[in-house]
Amino acid sequence: MDRNLLNKQLKQLLVIECDKEDDLNWQDILNNEVLFGSSSRLDLDSLDALQLSLAVQKKYGVRIEGASQGRKVLHSIDSLADHILANA
């Protein structure tokens, strides 16, 4: 799987699944920027994390198990792509 294409798909998935089409353009999301938490500019919450996790499982067949793994995997687009490439 092409890494650049995967990153693009993940950014688009995030914007759609987290219902941010009016607030975010997927092209403005950096690969290494923090997605969740107080240091994130994206204004995503725990429900968004759940939505994104379920969408990743459905689209790529890769599960994100538990809160601790979720925090690590959903840190950035890069960390999410790494998880998918390692587990797909």
Protein backbone atom coordinates (compact mmCIF):
# COMPACT_ATOMS: atom_id res chain seq x y z
CA MET A 1 0.00 0.00 0.00
CA ASP A 2 1.34 3.43 -0.93
CA ARG A 3 2.08 5.50 2.19
CA ASN A 4 1.22 8.88 0.64
CA LEU A 5 -2.10 7.56 -0.64
CA LEU A 6 -2.87 6.01 2.75
CA ASN A 7 -2.13 9.31 4.54
CA LYS A 8 -4.44 11.14 2.12
CA GLN A 9 -7.21 8.57 2.62
CA LEU A 10 -6.85 8.76 6.41
CA LYS A 11 -7.11 12.56 6.41
CA GLN A 12 -10.23 12.39 4.26
CA LEU A 13 -11.69 9.65 6.46
CA LEU A 14 -11.03 11.72 9.59
CA VAL A 15 -12.77 14.81 8.18
CA ILE A 16 -15.81 12.82 7.02
CA GLU A 17 -16.20 10.45 9.99
CA CYS A 18 -15.69 13.20 12.58
CA ASP A 19 -18.14 15.46 10.75
CA LYS A 20 -15.59 18.25 10.26
CA GLU A 21 -16.28 19.06 6.59
CA ASP A 22 -17.36 22.60 7.54
CA ASP A 23 -14.37 23.18 9.83
CA LEU A 24 -11.40 21.38 8.26
CA ASN A 25 -9.93 20.79 4.85
CA TRP A 26 -8.15 17.43 4.75
CA GLN A 27 -5.22 19.05 2.90
CA ASP A 28 -4.58 21.29 5.95
CA ILE A 29 -3.95 18.33 8.27
CA LEU A 30 -0.25 17.61 8.72
CA ASN A 31 0.93 14.01 8.80
CA ASN A 32 2.67 14.44 12.16
CA GLU A 33 0.31 16.84 13.93
CA VAL A 34 -1.43 15.81 17.14
CA LEU A 35 -5.01 14.73 16.39
CA PHE A 36 -6.52 14.58 19.89
CA GLY A 37 -6.06 16.30 23.22
CA SER A 38 -5.43 19.78 24.50
CA SER A 39 -2.43 20.34 22.21
CA SER A 40 -4.48 19.59 19.07
CA ARG A 41 -5.98 22.36 16.94
CA LEU A 42 -8.51 19.98 15.36
CA ASP A 43 -11.06 20.05 18.21
CA LEU A 44 -11.66 16.29 18.20
CA ASP A 45 -13.06 14.43 21.21
CA SER A 46 -13.38 10.86 22.47
CA LEU A 47 -16.48 10.24 20.35
CA ASP A 48 -14.47 11.29 17.29
CA ALA A 49 -11.75 8.82 18.32
CA LEU A 50 -14.34 6.03 18.50
CA GLN A 51 -15.82 7.00 15.12
CA LEU A 52 -12.38 7.06 13.52
CA SER A 53 -11.41 3.72 15.09
CA LEU A 54 -14.57 2.06 13.78
CA ALA A 55 -14.11 3.56 10.32
CA VAL A 56 -10.49 2.33 10.18
CA GLN A 57 -11.61 -1.16 11.20
CA LYS A 58 -14.33 -1.17 8.54
CA LYS A 59 -12.19 0.23 5.71
CA TYR A 60 -8.83 -1.42 6.44
CA GLY A 61 -9.75 -4.42 8.63
CA VAL A 62 -7.40 -3.23 11.37
CA ARG A 63 -8.55 -2.98 14.98
CA ILE A 64 -7.41 -0.45 17.54
CA GLU A 65 -7.62 -2.23 20.90
CA GLY A 66 -8.30 -0.31 24.10
CA ALA A 67 -7.69 3.20 25.31
CA SER A 68 -3.92 2.97 25.73
CA GLN A 69 -3.37 1.62 22.21
CA GLY A 70 -5.91 4.12 20.91
CA ARG A 71 -3.99 7.07 22.36
CA LYS A 72 -0.77 5.84 20.77
CA VAL A 73 -2.23 4.88 17.38
CA LEU A 74 -4.50 7.92 17.03
CA HIS A 75 -1.75 10.38 17.98
CA SER A 76 -1.23 11.51 14.36
CA ILE A 77 -1.93 10.52 10.78
CA ASP A 78 1.60 9.05 10.65
CA SER A 79 1.06 6.86 13.74
CA LEU A 80 -2.30 5.69 12.40
CA ALA A 81 -0.78 4.84 9.01
CA ASP A 82 2.07 2.97 10.73
CA HIS A 83 -0.46 0.88 12.67
CA ILE A 84 -2.46 0.05 9.54
CA LEU A 85 0.64 -0.85 7.49
CA ALA A 86 1.96 -3.06 10.32
CA ASN A 87 -1.35 -4.87 10.87
CA ALA A 88 -3.11 -5.01 7.49
